[in-house]
Amino acid sequence: METLVAGMILWIVSHTQYPGPQRPPTVRIVESQYLYDTMCGGQECSVVAMYLGGDAIYLDRRLRVAEPLNASFLLHEVVHYVQVKSGRYPNPDCPTVVAMEREAYELHERWLRERHRIWSEGVRRSSRRVIIGLERMCRRAASQPPQIPLTP
């Protein structure tokens, strides 16, 4: 897993202006219910990985990262890790969180496209739904900070 994450960080740094983080994230393998409880109020949902700040990325135990589509979900969270560790977003407001998510999906899709073109279209459709949902949340919240604090 460490080799995979290190390669992802190198790829992200080579495709962005972000510096490499001082150390890679810890990937914690967790049960699906932990992700559902944290991200979806305990209800089953489509979350398979998450990064909430700090040094850990949480990955669903069922995800087999040897498969490129599954690995791409880890890459998405590694993008967020690199974004936060860059120090460019110390206290992101809602529109900044949306921009960070948009960038993560763009890189997610690009990474997949470089490997397996067929899956990148599905990620594009999914990303649009997520971005639209985040933009709606921002409009409702107006100037409130994001619900998930991102601590470096």
C-alpha atoms as a PDB file:
ATOM      1  CA  MET A   1       0.000   0.000   0.000  1.00  0.00           C
ATOM      2  CA  GLU A   2       2.858   2.385   0.836  1.00  0.00           C
ATOM      3  CA  THR A   3       4.351   1.956  -2.641  1.00  0.00           C
ATOM      4  CA  LEU A   4       0.983   2.599  -4.295  1.00  0.00           C
ATOM      5  CA  VAL A   5       0.379   5.765  -2.241  1.00  0.00           C
ATOM      6  CA  ALA A   6       3.939   7.019  -2.863  1.00  0.00           C
ATOM      7  CA  GLY A   7       3.412   6.566  -6.609  1.00  0.00           C
ATOM      8  CA  MET A   8       0.118   8.428  -6.412  1.00  0.00           C
ATOM      9  CA  ILE A   9       1.764  11.332  -4.593  1.00  0.00           C
ATOM     10  CA  LEU A  10       4.471  11.515  -7.261  1.00  0.00           C
ATOM     11  CA  TRP A  11       1.804  11.487  -9.980  1.00  0.00           C
ATOM     12  CA  ILE A  12      -0.220  14.245  -8.238  1.00  0.00           C
ATOM     13  CA  VAL A  13       2.852  16.440  -7.714  1.00  0.00           C
ATOM     14  CA  SER A  14       3.853  15.992 -11.366  1.00  0.00           C
ATOM     15  CA  HIS A  15       0.362  17.009 -12.558  1.00  0.00           C
ATOM     16  CA  THR A  16      -0.172  19.982 -10.219  1.00  0.00           C
ATOM     17  CA  GLN A  17       1.697  22.845  -8.607  1.00  0.00           C
ATOM     18  CA  TYR A  18       1.512  21.244  -5.158  1.00  0.00           C
ATOM     19  CA  PRO A  19       4.688  20.369  -3.303  1.00  0.00           C
ATOM     20  CA  GLY A  20       5.066  16.814  -2.090  1.00  0.00           C
ATOM     21  CA  PRO A  21       3.967  16.360   1.513  1.00  0.00           C
ATOM     22  CA  GLN A  22       6.637  15.756   4.147  1.00  0.00           C
ATOM     23  CA  ARG A  23       5.292  12.251   4.710  1.00  0.00           C
ATOM     24  CA  PRO A  24       2.644  10.073   3.080  1.00  0.00           C
ATOM     25  CA  PRO A  25      -0.733   9.515   4.703  1.00  0.00           C
ATOM     26  CA  THR A  26      -1.503   6.467   6.773  1.00  0.00           C
ATOM     27  CA  VAL A  27      -4.133   4.354   5.021  1.00  0.00           C
ATOM     28  CA  ARG A  28      -6.493   2.827   7.540  1.00  0.00           C
ATOM     29  CA  ILE A  29      -8.555  -0.097   6.317  1.00  0.00           C
ATOM     30  CA  VAL A  30     -12.019   0.070   7.893  1.00  0.00           C
ATOM     31  CA  GLU A  31     -15.384  -1.625   7.712  1.00  0.00           C
ATOM     32  CA  SER A  32     -17.974  -0.068   5.402  1.00  0.00           C
ATOM     33  CA  GLN A  33     -20.186   0.816   8.355  1.00  0.00           C
ATOM     34  CA  TYR A  34     -17.489   3.120   9.764  1.00  0.00           C
ATOM     35  CA  LEU A  35     -17.575   5.121   6.532  1.00  0.00           C
ATOM     36  CA  TYR A  36     -21.383   5.111   6.499  1.00  0.00           C
ATOM     37  CA  ASP A  37     -21.524   6.286  10.120  1.00  0.00           C
ATOM     38  CA  THR A  38     -19.009   9.063   9.505  1.00  0.00           C
ATOM     39  CA  MET A  39     -20.168  10.339   6.119  1.00  0.00           C
ATOM     40  CA  CYS A  40     -23.795   9.244   5.669  1.00  0.00           C
ATOM     41  CA  GLY A  41     -25.452   9.374   9.090  1.00  0.00           C
ATOM     42  CA  GLY A  42     -25.218   5.601   9.471  1.00  0.00           C
ATOM     43  CA  GLN A  43     -27.130   4.882   6.274  1.00  0.00           C
ATOM     44  CA  GLU A  44     -25.594   2.766   3.541  1.00  0.00           C
ATOM     45  CA  CYS A  45     -24.218   5.003   0.793  1.00  0.00           C
ATOM     46  CA  SER A  46     -21.631   4.992  -1.979  1.00  0.00           C
ATOM     47  CA  VAL A  47     -18.660   6.225   0.078  1.00  0.00           C
ATOM     48  CA  VAL A  48     -15.659   3.874  -0.179  1.00  0.00           C
ATOM     49  CA  ALA A  49     -12.867   6.174   1.044  1.00  0.00           C
ATOM     50  CA  MET A  50     -12.509   9.426   2.960  1.00  0.00           C
ATOM     51  CA  TYR A  51      -9.983  11.961   4.134  1.00  0.00           C
ATOM     52  CA  LEU A  52     -10.992  14.295   6.950  1.00  0.00           C
ATOM     53  CA  GLY A  53      -7.735  16.086   7.569  1.00  0.00           C
ATOM     54  CA  GLY A  54      -4.797  14.985   9.639  1.00  0.00           C
ATOM     55  CA  ASP A  55      -2.611  12.118   8.503  1.00  0.00           C
ATOM     56  CA  ALA A  56      -5.078   9.294   7.791  1.00  0.00           C
ATOM     57  CA  ILE A  57      -7.107   8.210   4.794  1.00  0.00           C
ATOM     58  CA  TYR A  58      -9.855   5.685   5.512  1.00  0.00           C
ATOM     59  CA  LEU A  59     -10.447   2.985   2.926  1.00  0.00           C
ATOM     60  CA  ASP A  60     -13.283   0.460   2.770  1.00  0.00           C
ATOM     61  CA  ARG A  61     -12.044  -3.048   3.511  1.00  0.00           C
ATOM     62  CA  ARG A  62     -13.956  -4.377   0.474  1.00  0.00           C
ATOM     63  CA  LEU A  63     -12.043  -2.154  -1.962  1.00  0.00           C
ATOM     64  CA  ARG A  64      -9.391  -4.054  -3.907  1.00  0.00           C
ATOM     65  CA  VAL A  65      -6.896  -1.367  -4.898  1.00  0.00           C
ATOM     66  CA  ALA A  66      -5.106  -3.717  -7.301  1.00  0.00           C
ATOM     67  CA  GLU A  67      -7.969  -2.848  -9.685  1.00  0.00           C
ATOM     68  CA  PRO A  68      -7.440   0.599 -11.277  1.00  0.00           C
ATOM     69  CA  LEU A  69     -11.018   1.804 -10.765  1.00  0.00           C
ATOM     70  CA  ASN A  70     -10.837   0.964  -7.066  1.00  0.00           C
ATOM     71  CA  ALA A  71      -7.359   2.474  -6.745  1.00  0.00           C
ATOM     72  CA  SER A  72      -8.717   5.680  -8.259  1.00  0.00           C
ATOM     73  CA  PHE A  73     -10.915   6.249  -5.193  1.00  0.00           C
ATOM     74  CA  LEU A  74      -7.802   6.108  -3.035  1.00  0.00           C
ATOM     75  CA  LEU A  75      -6.069   8.510  -5.437  1.00  0.00           C
ATOM     76  CA  HIS A  76      -8.970  10.966  -5.013  1.00  0.00           C
ATOM     77  CA  GLU A  77      -8.414  11.013  -1.250  1.00  0.00           C
ATOM     78  CA  VAL A  78      -4.642  11.278  -1.672  1.00  0.00           C
ATOM     79  CA  VAL A  79      -5.311  14.402  -3.780  1.00  0.00           C
ATOM     80  CA  HIS A  80      -7.193  15.889  -0.821  1.00  0.00           C
ATOM     81  CA  TYR A  81      -4.338  14.929   1.484  1.00  0.00           C
ATOM     82  CA  VAL A  82      -1.813  16.678  -0.782  1.00  0.00           C
ATOM     83  CA  GLN A  83      -4.107  19.729  -1.083  1.00  0.00           C
ATOM     84  CA  VAL A  84      -4.417  20.102   2.686  1.00  0.00           C
ATOM     85  CA  LYS A  85      -0.766  19.361   3.435  1.00  0.00           C
ATOM     86  CA  SER A  86       0.295  21.994   0.888  1.00  0.00           C
ATOM     87  CA  GLY A  87      -0.871  24.650   3.352  1.00  0.00           C
ATOM     88  CA  ARG A  88      -2.781  26.509   0.632  1.00  0.00           C
ATOM     89  CA  TYR A  89      -6.137  25.933   2.291  1.00  0.00           C
ATOM     90  CA  PRO A  90      -5.758  26.588   6.033  1.00  0.00           C
ATOM     91  CA  ASN A  91      -9.429  27.449   6.646  1.00  0.00           C
ATOM     92  CA  PRO A  92     -11.360  26.660   3.463  1.00  0.00           C
ATOM     93  CA  ASP A  93     -14.732  28.268   3.055  1.00  0.00           C
ATOM     94  CA  CYS A  94     -17.512  26.450   1.231  1.00  0.00           C
ATOM     95  CA  PRO A  95     -16.614  27.653  -2.299  1.00  0.00           C
ATOM     96  CA  THR A  96     -12.989  26.646  -1.672  1.00  0.00           C
ATOM     97  CA  VAL A  97     -14.087  23.158  -0.578  1.00  0.00           C
ATOM     98  CA  VAL A  98     -16.073  22.915  -3.832  1.00  0.00           C
ATOM     99  CA  ALA A  99     -12.997  23.990  -5.821  1.00  0.00           C
ATOM    100  CA  MET A 100     -10.852  21.434  -3.993  1.00  0.00           C
ATOM    101  CA  GLU A 101     -13.381  18.701  -4.734  1.00  0.00           C
ATOM    102  CA  ARG A 102     -13.592  19.733  -8.387  1.00  0.00           C
ATOM    103  CA  GLU A 103      -9.808  19.567  -8.685  1.00  0.00           C
ATOM    104  CA  ALA A 104      -9.722  16.148  -6.981  1.00  0.00           C
ATOM    105  CA  TYR A 105     -12.294  14.817  -9.450  1.00  0.00           C
ATOM    106  CA  GLU A 106     -10.424  16.301 -12.415  1.00  0.00           C
ATOM    107  CA  LEU A 107      -7.234  14.562 -11.297  1.00  0.00           C
ATOM    108  CA  HIS A 108      -9.169  11.384 -10.472  1.00  0.00           C
ATOM    109  CA  GLU A 109     -10.584  11.318 -13.985  1.00  0.00           C
ATOM    110  CA  ARG A 110      -7.249  12.160 -15.608  1.00  0.00           C
ATOM    111  CA  TRP A 111      -5.484   9.390 -13.685  1.00  0.00           C
ATOM    112  CA  LEU A 112      -8.100   6.893 -14.824  1.00  0.00           C
ATOM    113  CA  ARG A 113      -8.074   8.171 -18.407  1.00  0.00           C
ATOM    114  CA  GLU A 114      -4.317   7.598 -18.570  1.00  0.00           C
ATOM    115  CA  ARG A 115      -4.919   3.999 -17.521  1.00  0.00           C
ATOM    116  CA  HIS A 116      -8.424   2.914 -18.594  1.00  0.00           C
ATOM    117  CA  ARG A 117     -10.471   5.334 -20.657  1.00  0.00           C
ATOM    118  CA  ILE A 118     -13.771   3.500 -20.239  1.00  0.00           C
ATOM    119  CA  TRP A 119     -14.045   4.174 -16.490  1.00  0.00           C
ATOM    120  CA  SER A 120     -13.217   7.861 -16.627  1.00  0.00           C
ATOM    121  CA  GLU A 121     -16.645   8.749 -18.079  1.00  0.00           C
ATOM    122  CA  GLY A 122     -18.400   7.224 -15.054  1.00  0.00           C
ATOM    123  CA  VAL A 123     -16.208   9.269 -12.730  1.00  0.00           C
ATOM    124  CA  ARG A 124     -17.063  12.407 -14.727  1.00  0.00           C
ATOM    125  CA  ARG A 125     -20.803  11.802 -14.303  1.00  0.00           C
ATOM    126  CA  SER A 126     -20.411  11.042 -10.608  1.00  0.00           C
ATOM    127  CA  SER A 127     -18.251  14.116 -10.037  1.00  0.00           C
ATOM    128  CA  ARG A 128     -20.875  16.375 -11.594  1.00  0.00           C
ATOM    129  CA  ARG A 129     -23.492  15.083  -9.132  1.00  0.00           C
ATOM    130  CA  VAL A 130     -21.169  15.591  -6.166  1.00  0.00           C
ATOM    131  CA  ILE A 131     -20.105  19.089  -7.248  1.00  0.00           C
ATOM    132  CA  ILE A 132     -23.724  20.150  -7.841  1.00  0.00           C
ATOM    133  CA  GLY A 133     -24.637  18.832  -4.376  1.00  0.00           C
ATOM    134  CA  LEU A 134     -21.755  20.714  -2.760  1.00  0.00           C
ATOM    135  CA  GLU A 135     -22.654  23.922  -4.600  1.00  0.00           C
ATOM    136  CA  ARG A 136     -26.256  23.615  -3.359  1.00  0.00           C
ATOM    137  CA  MET A 137     -24.977  23.047   0.167  1.00  0.00           C
ATOM    138  CA  CYS A 138     -22.825  26.173  -0.140  1.00  0.00           C
ATOM    139  CA  ARG A 139     -25.735  28.275  -1.318  1.00  0.00           C
ATOM    140  CA  ARG A 140     -27.809  27.089   1.649  1.00  0.00           C
ATOM    141  CA  ALA A 141     -24.994  27.608   4.114  1.00  0.00           C
ATOM    142  CA  ALA A 142     -24.095  30.986   2.594  1.00  0.00           C
ATOM    143  CA  SER A 143     -21.013  32.077   4.539  1.00  0.00           C
ATOM    144  CA  GLN A 144     -20.840  29.269   7.118  1.00  0.00           C
ATOM    145  CA  PRO A 145     -17.646  27.166   7.282  1.00  0.00           C
ATOM    146  CA  PRO A 146     -17.735  23.659   5.802  1.00  0.00           C
ATOM    147  CA  GLN A 147     -19.247  20.880   7.911  1.00  0.00           C
ATOM    148  CA  ILE A 148     -16.068  18.808   7.788  1.00  0.00           C
ATOM    149  CA  PRO A 149     -13.050  20.698   9.198  1.00  0.00           C
ATOM    150  CA  LEU A 150      -9.822  19.969   7.363  1.00  0.00           C
ATOM    151  CA  THR A 151      -6.906  19.998   9.776  1.00  0.00           C
ATOM    152  CA  PRO A 152      -3.401  19.653   8.348  1.00  0.00           C
END
